[in-house]
C-alpha atoms as a PDB file:
ATOM      1  CA  UNK A   1     106.390 -12.189   9.393  1.00  0.00           C
ATOM      2  CA  UNK A   2     109.734 -12.038  10.838  1.00  0.00           C
ATOM      3  CA  UNK A   3     112.290  -9.680  10.172  1.00  0.00           C
ATOM      4  CA  UNK A   4     115.929  -8.934  11.192  1.00  0.00           C
ATOM      5  CA  UNK A   5     116.781  -5.450  11.416  1.00  0.00           C
ATOM      6  CA  UNK A   6     120.461  -4.366  11.440  1.00  0.00           C
ATOM      7  CA  UNK A   7     121.709  -0.798  11.096  1.00  0.00           C
ATOM      8  CA  UNK A   8     124.681   1.606  10.614  1.00  0.00           C
ATOM      9  CA  UNK A   9     127.096  -0.718   9.173  1.00  0.00           C
ATOM     10  CA  UNK A  10     129.853   2.075   8.172  1.00  0.00           C
ATOM     11  CA  UNK A  11     131.861  -0.106   5.709  1.00  0.00           C
ATOM     12  CA  UNK A  12     135.501   1.071   5.035  1.00  0.00           C
ATOM     13  CA  UNK A  13     137.282   0.690   1.757  1.00  0.00           C
ATOM     14  CA  UNK A  14     139.206  -2.701   1.237  1.00  0.00           C
ATOM     15  CA  UNK A  15     141.990  -2.991   3.826  1.00  0.00           C
ATOM     16  CA  UNK A  16     140.828   0.379   5.609  1.00  0.00           C
ATOM     17  CA  UNK A  17     139.471   0.437   9.196  1.00  0.00           C
ATOM     18  CA  UNK A  18     137.149   2.901  10.723  1.00  0.00           C
ATOM     19  CA  UNK A  19     138.913   5.494  13.141  1.00  0.00           C
ATOM     20  CA  UNK A  20     141.947   3.559  11.864  1.00  0.00           C
ATOM     21  CA  UNK A  21     141.724   0.687  14.499  1.00  0.00           C
ATOM     22  CA  UNK A  22     138.168  -0.618  14.127  1.00  0.00           C
ATOM     23  CA  UNK A  23     137.862  -3.512  11.423  1.00  0.00           C
ATOM     24  CA  UNK A  24     134.298  -2.507  10.310  1.00  0.00           C
ATOM     25  CA  UNK A  25     134.651  -4.852   7.372  1.00  0.00           C
ATOM     26  CA  UNK A  26     135.399  -8.091   9.222  1.00  0.00           C
ATOM     27  CA  UNK A  27     133.047  -7.432  11.967  1.00  0.00           C
ATOM     28  CA  UNK A  28     130.430  -6.903   9.360  1.00  0.00           C
ATOM     29  CA  UNK A  29     131.132  -9.990   7.556  1.00  0.00           C
ATOM     30  CA  UNK A  30     130.862 -11.749  10.890  1.00  0.00           C
ATOM     31  CA  UNK A  31     127.172 -10.530  11.164  1.00  0.00           C
ATOM     32  CA  UNK A  32     126.258 -11.478   7.969  1.00  0.00           C
ATOM     33  CA  UNK A  33     127.442 -15.034   8.693  1.00  0.00           C
ATOM     34  CA  UNK A  34     125.656 -14.976  12.092  1.00  0.00           C
ATOM     35  CA  UNK A  35     122.240 -13.990  10.575  1.00  0.00           C
ATOM     36  CA  UNK A  36     123.082 -16.690   7.775  1.00  0.00           C
ATOM     37  CA  UNK A  37     123.306 -19.179  10.626  1.00  0.00           C
ATOM     38  CA  UNK A  38     120.116 -18.306  12.540  1.00  0.00           C
ATOM     39  CA  UNK A  39     118.098 -21.544  13.483  1.00  0.00           C
ATOM     40  CA  UNK A  40     114.736 -19.552  13.198  1.00  0.00           C
ATOM     41  CA  UNK A  41     115.192 -17.833   9.524  1.00  0.00           C
ATOM     42  CA  UNK A  42     113.684 -14.488   8.961  1.00  0.00           C
ATOM     43  CA  UNK A  43     111.608 -13.617   6.146  1.00  0.00           C
ATOM     44  CA  UNK A  44     114.019 -10.733   5.310  1.00  0.00           C
ATOM     45  CA  UNK A  45     116.728  -8.524   6.683  1.00  0.00           C
ATOM     46  CA  UNK A  46     116.248  -4.807   6.962  1.00  0.00           C
ATOM     47  CA  UNK A  47     119.463  -2.592   6.881  1.00  0.00           C
ATOM     48  CA  UNK A  48     118.339   1.168   8.403  1.00  0.00           C
ATOM     49  CA  UNK A  49     120.977   3.242   6.456  1.00  0.00           C
ATOM     50  CA  UNK A  50     124.667   4.207   6.994  1.00  0.00           C
ATOM     51  CA  UNK A  51     125.838   1.327   4.771  1.00  0.00           C
ATOM     52  CA  UNK A  52     129.370   2.857   4.305  1.00  0.00           C
ATOM     53  CA  UNK A  53     131.088   5.719   6.331  1.00  0.00           C
ATOM     54  CA  UNK A  54     132.384   8.193   3.928  1.00  0.00           C
ATOM     55  CA  UNK A  55     130.163   7.499   0.745  1.00  0.00           C
ATOM     56  CA  UNK A  56     132.963   6.239  -1.281  1.00  0.00           C
ATOM     57  CA  UNK A  57     132.690   3.738  -4.273  1.00  0.00           C
ATOM     58  CA  UNK A  58     135.499   1.638  -3.237  1.00  0.00           C
ATOM     59  CA  UNK A  59     133.553   1.521   0.307  1.00  0.00           C
ATOM     60  CA  UNK A  60     130.345   0.451  -1.559  1.00  0.00           C
ATOM     61  CA  UNK A  61     132.257  -2.170  -3.347  1.00  0.00           C
ATOM     62  CA  UNK A  62     133.041  -4.002  -0.190  1.00  0.00           C
ATOM     63  CA  UNK A  63     129.515  -3.305   1.200  1.00  0.00           C
ATOM     64  CA  UNK A  64     128.232  -4.983  -1.895  1.00  0.00           C
ATOM     65  CA  UNK A  65     130.428  -8.082  -1.832  1.00  0.00           C
ATOM     66  CA  UNK A  66     129.664  -8.734   1.752  1.00  0.00           C
ATOM     67  CA  UNK A  67     125.977  -8.026   1.943  1.00  0.00           C
ATOM     68  CA  UNK A  68     125.659  -9.906  -1.342  1.00  0.00           C
ATOM     69  CA  UNK A  69     126.571 -13.181   0.946  1.00  0.00           C
ATOM     70  CA  UNK A  70     123.183 -12.538   2.966  1.00  0.00           C
ATOM     71  CA  UNK A  71     121.001 -15.480   2.149  1.00  0.00           C
ATOM     72  CA  UNK A  72     117.799 -13.569   2.566  1.00  0.00           C
ATOM     73  CA  UNK A  73     115.665 -10.896   0.680  1.00  0.00           C
ATOM     74  CA  UNK A  74     117.248  -7.298   1.414  1.00  0.00           C
ATOM     75  CA  UNK A  75     115.474  -4.244   2.318  1.00  0.00           C
ATOM     76  CA  UNK A  76     117.553  -1.314   2.522  1.00  0.00           C
ATOM     77  CA  UNK A  77     117.657   2.388   2.876  1.00  0.00           C
ATOM     78  CA  UNK A  78     120.386   5.181   3.049  1.00  0.00           C
ATOM     79  CA  UNK A  79     121.655   7.384   6.053  1.00  0.00           C
ATOM     80  CA  UNK A  80     123.612  10.164   6.337  1.00  0.00           C
ATOM     81  CA  UNK A  81     127.080   8.666   5.570  1.00  0.00           C
ATOM     82  CA  UNK A  82     125.825   7.493   2.301  1.00  0.00           C
ATOM     83  CA  UNK A  83     126.287   9.042  -1.074  1.00  0.00           C
ATOM     84  CA  UNK A  84     122.666   8.612  -2.841  1.00  0.00           C
ATOM     85  CA  UNK A  85     123.987   8.125  -6.365  1.00  0.00           C
ATOM     86  CA  UNK A  86     126.711   5.500  -5.277  1.00  0.00           C
ATOM     87  CA  UNK A  87     124.098   4.185  -2.795  1.00  0.00           C
ATOM     88  CA  UNK A  88     121.517   3.449  -5.735  1.00  0.00           C
ATOM     89  CA  UNK A  89     124.117   2.308  -8.242  1.00  0.00           C
ATOM     90  CA  UNK A  90     125.731  -0.292  -5.743  1.00  0.00           C
ATOM     91  CA  UNK A  91     122.857  -1.623  -3.749  1.00  0.00           C
ATOM     92  CA  UNK A  92     119.958  -1.545  -6.223  1.00  0.00           C
ATOM     93  CA  UNK A  93     121.297  -5.309  -7.421  1.00  0.00           C
ATOM     94  CA  UNK A  94     120.602  -6.347  -3.642  1.00  0.00           C
ATOM     95  CA  UNK A  95     117.449  -4.458  -3.342  1.00  0.00           C
ATOM     96  CA  UNK A  96     115.460  -3.875  -6.669  1.00  0.00           C
ATOM     97  CA  UNK A  97     112.624  -2.136  -4.896  1.00  0.00           C
ATOM     98  CA  UNK A  98     114.971   1.094  -4.439  1.00  0.00           C
ATOM     99  CA  UNK A  99     113.951   2.110  -8.144  1.00  0.00           C
ATOM    100  CA  UNK A 100     115.854   4.351 -10.165  1.00  0.00           C
ATOM    101  CA  UNK A 101     115.764   7.971  -8.549  1.00  0.00           C
ATOM    102  CA  UNK A 102     118.460   8.470  -6.285  1.00  0.00           C
ATOM    103  CA  UNK A 103     116.882  11.452  -4.968  1.00  0.00           C
ATOM    104  CA  UNK A 104     113.430   9.791  -4.180  1.00  0.00           C
ATOM    105  CA  UNK A 105     114.100   6.412  -2.700  1.00  0.00           C
ATOM    106  CA  UNK A 106     110.952   5.014  -1.205  1.00  0.00           C
ATOM    107  CA  UNK A 107     108.871   1.758  -1.613  1.00  0.00           C
ATOM    108  CA  UNK A 108     106.278  -0.467   0.045  1.00  0.00           C
ATOM    109  CA  UNK A 109     106.476  -4.140   0.911  1.00  0.00           C
ATOM    110  CA  UNK A 110     102.925  -5.594   0.883  1.00  0.00           C
ATOM    111  CA  UNK A 111     103.963  -9.454   1.197  1.00  0.00           C
ATOM    112  CA  UNK A 112     103.019  -9.621   5.101  1.00  0.00           C
ATOM    113  CA  UNK A 113     100.143  -9.187   7.561  1.00  0.00           C
ATOM    114  CA  UNK A 114     101.752  -5.758   8.145  1.00  0.00           C
ATOM    115  CA  UNK A 115     102.493  -3.408   5.568  1.00  0.00           C
ATOM    116  CA  UNK A 116     106.329  -2.264   5.469  1.00  0.00           C
ATOM    117  CA  UNK A 117     107.002   1.282   4.085  1.00  0.00           C
ATOM    118  CA  UNK A 118     110.676   2.586   3.650  1.00  0.00           C
ATOM    119  CA  UNK A 119     111.561   6.125   3.063  1.00  0.00           C
ATOM    120  CA  UNK A 120     114.853   7.956   2.678  1.00  0.00           C
ATOM    121  CA  UNK A 121     115.422  10.597   5.490  1.00  0.00           C
ATOM    122  CA  UNK A 122     118.962  11.357   4.415  1.00  0.00           C
ATOM    123  CA  UNK A 123     120.071  14.934   3.274  1.00  0.00           C
ATOM    124  CA  UNK A 124     122.895  15.433   0.830  1.00  0.00           C
ATOM    125  CA  UNK A 125     125.831  17.027   2.691  1.00  0.00           C
ATOM    126  CA  UNK A 126     123.895  17.097   6.032  1.00  0.00           C
ATOM    127  CA  UNK A 127     124.312  15.096   9.106  1.00  0.00           C
ATOM    128  CA  UNK A 128     120.971  15.861  10.035  1.00  0.00           C
ATOM    129  CA  UNK A 129     117.514  14.254   8.395  1.00  0.00           C
ATOM    130  CA  UNK A 130     115.102  15.969   6.371  1.00  0.00           C
ATOM    131  CA  UNK A 131     111.920  14.508   4.719  1.00  0.00           C
ATOM    132  CA  UNK A 132     111.083  15.898   1.088  1.00  0.00           C
ATOM    133  CA  UNK A 133     108.002  16.974   0.257  1.00  0.00           C
ATOM    134  CA  UNK A 134     108.004  14.059  -2.502  1.00  0.00           C
ATOM    135  CA  UNK A 135     108.545  11.816   0.371  1.00  0.00           C
ATOM    136  CA  UNK A 136     105.726  12.976   2.489  1.00  0.00           C
ATOM    137  CA  UNK A 137     103.249  13.007  -0.431  1.00  0.00           C
ATOM    138  CA  UNK A 138     104.102   9.365  -1.289  1.00  0.00           C
ATOM    139  CA  UNK A 139     104.011   8.323   2.324  1.00  0.00           C
ATOM    140  CA  UNK A 140     100.518   9.895   2.790  1.00  0.00           C
ATOM    141  CA  UNK A 141      99.394   8.257  -0.217  1.00  0.00           C
ATOM    142  CA  UNK A 142     100.610   4.850   0.954  1.00  0.00           C
ATOM    143  CA  UNK A 143      98.894   5.528   4.431  1.00  0.00           C
ATOM    144  CA  UNK A 144      95.645   6.451   2.241  1.00  0.00           C
ATOM    145  CA  UNK A 145      95.690   3.125   0.339  1.00  0.00           C
ATOM    146  CA  UNK A 146      96.626   0.752   3.231  1.00  0.00           C
ATOM    147  CA  UNK A 147      93.382   1.545   5.167  1.00  0.00           C
ATOM    148  CA  UNK A 148      93.412   0.293   8.352  1.00  0.00           C
ATOM    149  CA  UNK A 149      96.030  -2.337   7.702  1.00  0.00           C
ATOM    150  CA  UNK A 150      98.996  -2.091  10.543  1.00  0.00           C
ATOM    151  CA  UNK A 151     101.791  -0.192   9.040  1.00  0.00           C
ATOM    152  CA  UNK A 152     105.574   0.213  10.080  1.00  0.00           C
ATOM    153  CA  UNK A 153     107.870   2.962   8.668  1.00  0.00           C
ATOM    154  CA  UNK A 154     111.739   1.938   8.376  1.00  0.00           C
ATOM    155  CA  UNK A 155     113.741   5.153   7.736  1.00  0.00           C
ATOM    156  CA  UNK A 156     117.393   6.152   9.179  1.00  0.00           C
ATOM    157  CA  UNK A 157     116.865   9.276  11.369  1.00  0.00           C
ATOM    158  CA  UNK A 158     114.393   9.536  14.354  1.00  0.00           C
ATOM    159  CA  UNK A 159     111.626  12.001  13.901  1.00  0.00           C
ATOM    160  CA  UNK A 160     111.904  13.514  17.016  1.00  0.00           C
ATOM    161  CA  UNK A 161     114.333  14.333  19.794  1.00  0.00           C
ATOM    162  CA  UNK A 162     115.033  11.425  22.106  1.00  0.00           C
ATOM    163  CA  UNK A 163     117.104  13.053  24.954  1.00  0.00           C
ATOM    164  CA  UNK A 164     120.323  12.487  23.493  1.00  0.00           C
ATOM    165  CA  UNK A 165     122.547  15.646  23.910  1.00  0.00           C
ATOM    166  CA  UNK A 166     124.832  14.238  20.992  1.00  0.00           C
ATOM    167  CA  UNK A 167     122.341  12.739  18.167  1.00  0.00           C
ATOM    168  CA  UNK A 168     119.242  15.107  18.960  1.00  0.00           C
ATOM    169  CA  UNK A 169     120.999  17.835  17.009  1.00  0.00           C
ATOM    170  CA  UNK A 170     121.187  15.557  13.923  1.00  0.00           C
ATOM    171  CA  UNK A 171     117.859  14.105  14.440  1.00  0.00           C
ATOM    172  CA  UNK A 172     115.145  14.555  11.334  1.00  0.00           C
ATOM    173  CA  UNK A 173     114.533  18.083  11.338  1.00  0.00           C
ATOM    174  CA  UNK A 174     111.295  18.060   9.936  1.00  0.00           C
ATOM    175  CA  UNK A 175     110.371  14.776  11.747  1.00  0.00           C
ATOM    176  CA  UNK A 176     107.231  16.517  12.840  1.00  0.00           C
ATOM    177  CA  UNK A 177     105.706  15.963   9.686  1.00  0.00           C
ATOM    178  CA  UNK A 178     105.882  12.226   9.971  1.00  0.00           C
ATOM    179  CA  UNK A 179     104.404  12.839  13.549  1.00  0.00           C
ATOM    180  CA  UNK A 180     101.510  14.571  12.064  1.00  0.00           C
ATOM    181  CA  UNK A 181     100.832  11.597   9.635  1.00  0.00           C
ATOM    182  CA  UNK A 182     100.871   9.383  12.856  1.00  0.00           C
ATOM    183  CA  UNK A 183      98.069  11.379  14.390  1.00  0.00           C
ATOM    184  CA  UNK A 184      96.175  11.121  11.133  1.00  0.00           C
ATOM    185  CA  UNK A 185      96.688   7.597  10.311  1.00  0.00           C
ATOM    186  CA  UNK A 186      95.931   5.168  13.492  1.00  0.00           C
ATOM    187  CA  UNK A 187      97.479   2.175  11.244  1.00  0.00           C
ATOM    188  CA  UNK A 188     100.655   3.616  11.478  1.00  0.00           C
ATOM    189  CA  UNK A 189     101.784   1.957  14.536  1.00  0.00           C
ATOM    190  CA  UNK A 190     105.708   1.398  14.567  1.00  0.00           C
ATOM    191  CA  UNK A 191     108.371   3.611  13.091  1.00  0.00           C
ATOM    192  CA  UNK A 192     111.848   2.043  13.139  1.00  0.00           C
ATOM    193  CA  UNK A 193     114.963   3.923  12.748  1.00  0.00           C
ATOM    194  CA  UNK A 194     119.025   3.779  12.894  1.00  0.00           C
ATOM    195  CA  UNK A 195     121.322   6.329  13.415  1.00  0.00           C
ATOM    196  CA  UNK A 196     121.554   6.926  17.221  1.00  0.00           C
ATOM    197  CA  UNK A 197     123.753   3.458  17.211  1.00  0.00           C
ATOM    198  CA  UNK A 198     121.718   2.645  20.594  1.00  0.00           C
ATOM    199  CA  UNK A 199     118.433   0.791  21.683  1.00  0.00           C
ATOM    200  CA  UNK A 200     116.036   3.618  22.365  1.00  0.00           C
ATOM    201  CA  UNK A 201     112.276   3.393  22.334  1.00  0.00           C
ATOM    202  CA  UNK A 202     109.516   5.927  22.735  1.00  0.00           C
ATOM    203  CA  UNK A 203     105.806   6.440  22.319  1.00  0.00           C
ATOM    204  CA  UNK A 204     103.974   8.970  19.976  1.00  0.00           C
ATOM    205  CA  UNK A 205     100.216   8.171  20.167  1.00  0.00           C
ATOM    206  CA  UNK A 206      99.635   4.693  19.001  1.00  0.00           C
ATOM    207  CA  UNK A 207     103.093   4.605  17.338  1.00  0.00           C
ATOM    208  CA  UNK A 208     106.346   3.062  19.030  1.00  0.00           C
ATOM    209  CA  UNK A 209     109.182   4.839  17.703  1.00  0.00           C
ATOM    210  CA  UNK A 210     112.628   2.838  18.050  1.00  0.00           C
ATOM    211  CA  UNK A 211     116.569   3.144  17.184  1.00  0.00           C
ATOM    212  CA  UNK A 212     118.626   0.375  17.300  1.00  0.00           C
ATOM    213  CA  UNK A 213     122.405  -0.404  17.758  1.00  0.00           C
ATOM    214  CA  UNK A 214     124.751  -0.573  14.714  1.00  0.00           C
ATOM    215  CA  UNK A 215     126.450  -3.688  14.017  1.00  0.00           C
ATOM    216  CA  UNK A 216     129.867  -2.504  15.136  1.00  0.00           C
ATOM    217  CA  UNK A 217     130.197   0.618  17.387  1.00  0.00           C
ATOM    218  CA  UNK A 218     127.753   2.483  19.500  1.00  0.00           C
ATOM    219  CA  UNK A 219     126.987   5.791  20.585  1.00  0.00           C
ATOM    220  CA  UNK A 220     126.639   6.407  24.500  1.00  0.00           C
ATOM    221  CA  UNK A 221     123.526   7.808  25.551  1.00  0.00           C
ATOM    222  CA  UNK A 222     124.351  11.238  27.693  1.00  0.00           C
ATOM    223  CA  UNK A 223     121.552  13.887  28.037  1.00  0.00           C
ATOM    224  CA  UNK A 224     123.523  16.751  28.891  1.00  0.00           C
ATOM    225  CA  UNK A 225     127.178  15.839  27.124  1.00  0.00           C
ATOM    226  CA  UNK A 226     127.204  16.556  23.401  1.00  0.00           C
ATOM    227  CA  UNK A 227     130.830  15.630  23.056  1.00  0.00           C
ATOM    228  CA  UNK A 228     131.035  13.107  19.971  1.00  0.00           C
ATOM    229  CA  UNK A 229     131.689  10.330  22.007  1.00  0.00           C
ATOM    230  CA  UNK A 230     131.531   6.434  20.424  1.00  0.00           C
ATOM    231  CA  UNK A 231     132.446   2.926  22.113  1.00  0.00           C
ATOM    232  CA  UNK A 232     132.690  -0.559  21.177  1.00  0.00           C
ATOM    233  CA  UNK A 233     129.880  -1.920  23.338  1.00  0.00           C
ATOM    234  CA  UNK A 234     128.286  -5.286  22.044  1.00  0.00           C
ATOM    235  CA  UNK A 235     126.493  -5.072  18.779  1.00  0.00           C
ATOM    236  CA  UNK A 236     123.064  -5.821  18.488  1.00  0.00           C
ATOM    237  CA  UNK A 237     120.181  -6.297  16.067  1.00  0.00           C
ATOM    238  CA  UNK A 238     116.589  -6.123  16.317  1.00  0.00           C
ATOM    239  CA  UNK A 239     114.181  -9.001  15.478  1.00  0.00           C
ATOM    240  CA  UNK A 240     110.353  -8.435  14.523  1.00  0.00           C
ATOM    241  CA  UNK A 241     108.038 -11.228  14.732  1.00  0.00           C
ATOM    242  CA  UNK A 242     104.051 -10.701  14.102  1.00  0.00           C
ATOM    243  CA  UNK A 243     102.567 -12.857  16.784  1.00  0.00           C
ATOM    244  CA  UNK A 244      98.959 -13.924  16.614  1.00  0.00           C
ATOM    245  CA  UNK A 245      96.784 -12.020  19.532  1.00  0.00           C
ATOM    246  CA  UNK A 246      99.839  -9.639  20.343  1.00  0.00           C
ATOM    247  CA  UNK A 247     100.697  -7.963  16.834  1.00  0.00           C
ATOM    248  CA  UNK A 248     104.284  -6.986  16.176  1.00  0.00           C
ATOM    249  CA  UNK A 249     106.695  -8.152  18.923  1.00  0.00           C
ATOM    250  CA  UNK A 250     110.356  -7.127  19.103  1.00  0.00           C
ATOM    251  CA  UNK A 251     113.431  -8.127  20.760  1.00  0.00           C
ATOM    252  CA  UNK A 252     117.064  -7.565  20.939  1.00  0.00           C
ATOM    253  CA  UNK A 253     119.091 -10.154  19.519  1.00  0.00           C
ATOM    254  CA  UNK A 254     122.942 -10.121  20.512  1.00  0.00           C
ATOM    255  CA  UNK A 255     125.645 -10.078  17.798  1.00  0.00           C
ATOM    256  CA  UNK A 256     128.314 -10.525  20.329  1.00  0.00           C
ATOM    257  CA  UNK A 257     130.170 -13.745  20.667  1.00  0.00           C
ATOM    258  CA  UNK A 258     129.419 -15.547  23.991  1.00  0.00           C
ATOM    259  CA  UNK A 259     128.928 -19.102  25.585  1.00  0.00           C
ATOM    260  CA  UNK A 260     125.718 -20.996  25.234  1.00  0.00           C
ATOM    261  CA  UNK A 261     122.941 -21.661  24.479  1.00  0.00           C
ATOM    262  CA  UNK A 262     122.361 -24.309  27.263  1.00  0.00           C
ATOM    263  CA  UNK A 263     119.811 -26.341  27.622  1.00  0.00           C
ATOM    264  CA  UNK A 264     117.957 -26.208  31.057  1.00  0.00           C
ATOM    265  CA  UNK A 265     118.490 -28.986  33.350  1.00  0.00           C
ATOM    266  CA  UNK A 266     116.202 -29.206  36.641  1.00  0.00           C
ATOM    267  CA  UNK A 267     118.764 -31.339  38.474  1.00  0.00           C
ATOM    268  CA  UNK A 268     121.597 -28.864  38.029  1.00  0.00           C
ATOM    269  CA  UNK A 269     119.479 -26.000  38.528  1.00  0.00           C
ATOM    270  CA  UNK A 270     117.650 -27.070  41.788  1.00  0.00           C
ATOM    271  CA  UNK A 271     119.755 -29.960  43.103  1.00  0.00           C
ATOM    272  CA  UNK A 272     118.462 -32.021  45.875  1.00  0.00           C
ATOM    273  CA  UNK A 273     120.882 -31.632  49.049  1.00  0.00           C
ATOM    274  CA  UNK A 274     123.342 -34.433  49.476  1.00  0.00           C
ATOM    275  CA  UNK A 275     123.295 -35.529  45.491  1.00  0.00           C
END
């Protein structure tokens, strides 16, 4: 299994820029083309929420067109910036597993050595996250069904506070219900999120919990200052690969443009004096 995870794309309507100066549509189109050009090709691309910025139909039309160019299967879930009904209507053609119920979007992928469970943590009209009783019951049933097969959950909001003064206020409010499932089911060993616009990781029991950067703009990590800052640090995605003997290995893949890659050359690296 080899997956590319991106998040928090915040598409705007045609011709509009985020905050009137950040061309997220162009940047996201660049990301799609970078992923399509990868030499080692993922089995699928995962997007962990906030596909658009304002939940507008015109934003989803741009997102559908650009994401439609991805040359991989797409697994996608909504975030707090998404409108559930518009999200489902526009994104389902790209991800049929989303189903037909905008209030209960969750699905399982059993095509790999690791089970992948996708859940919606968004709460209409709120920036914080919330796991509904329906979602929690579905997730528990899936974990029972999966037995001891290693399992990863993908959701938008992190299920616990991560020490970020700005983002902790809008984490998943009842994420403790997911933590309780981690305690009960040893096979649940990874939780991958978006929302924080930053690579942050922690450990809860056997589960590594990780948030990832956005595809365009990022959120600084301040432990004490809750002001709503953002910046344009280089974007990145996370790659997840199952490695025999090691399990799931995740690594950061830069989406910035930079020189290279270059092939290592011993003669240049450690030249002999006088050469």
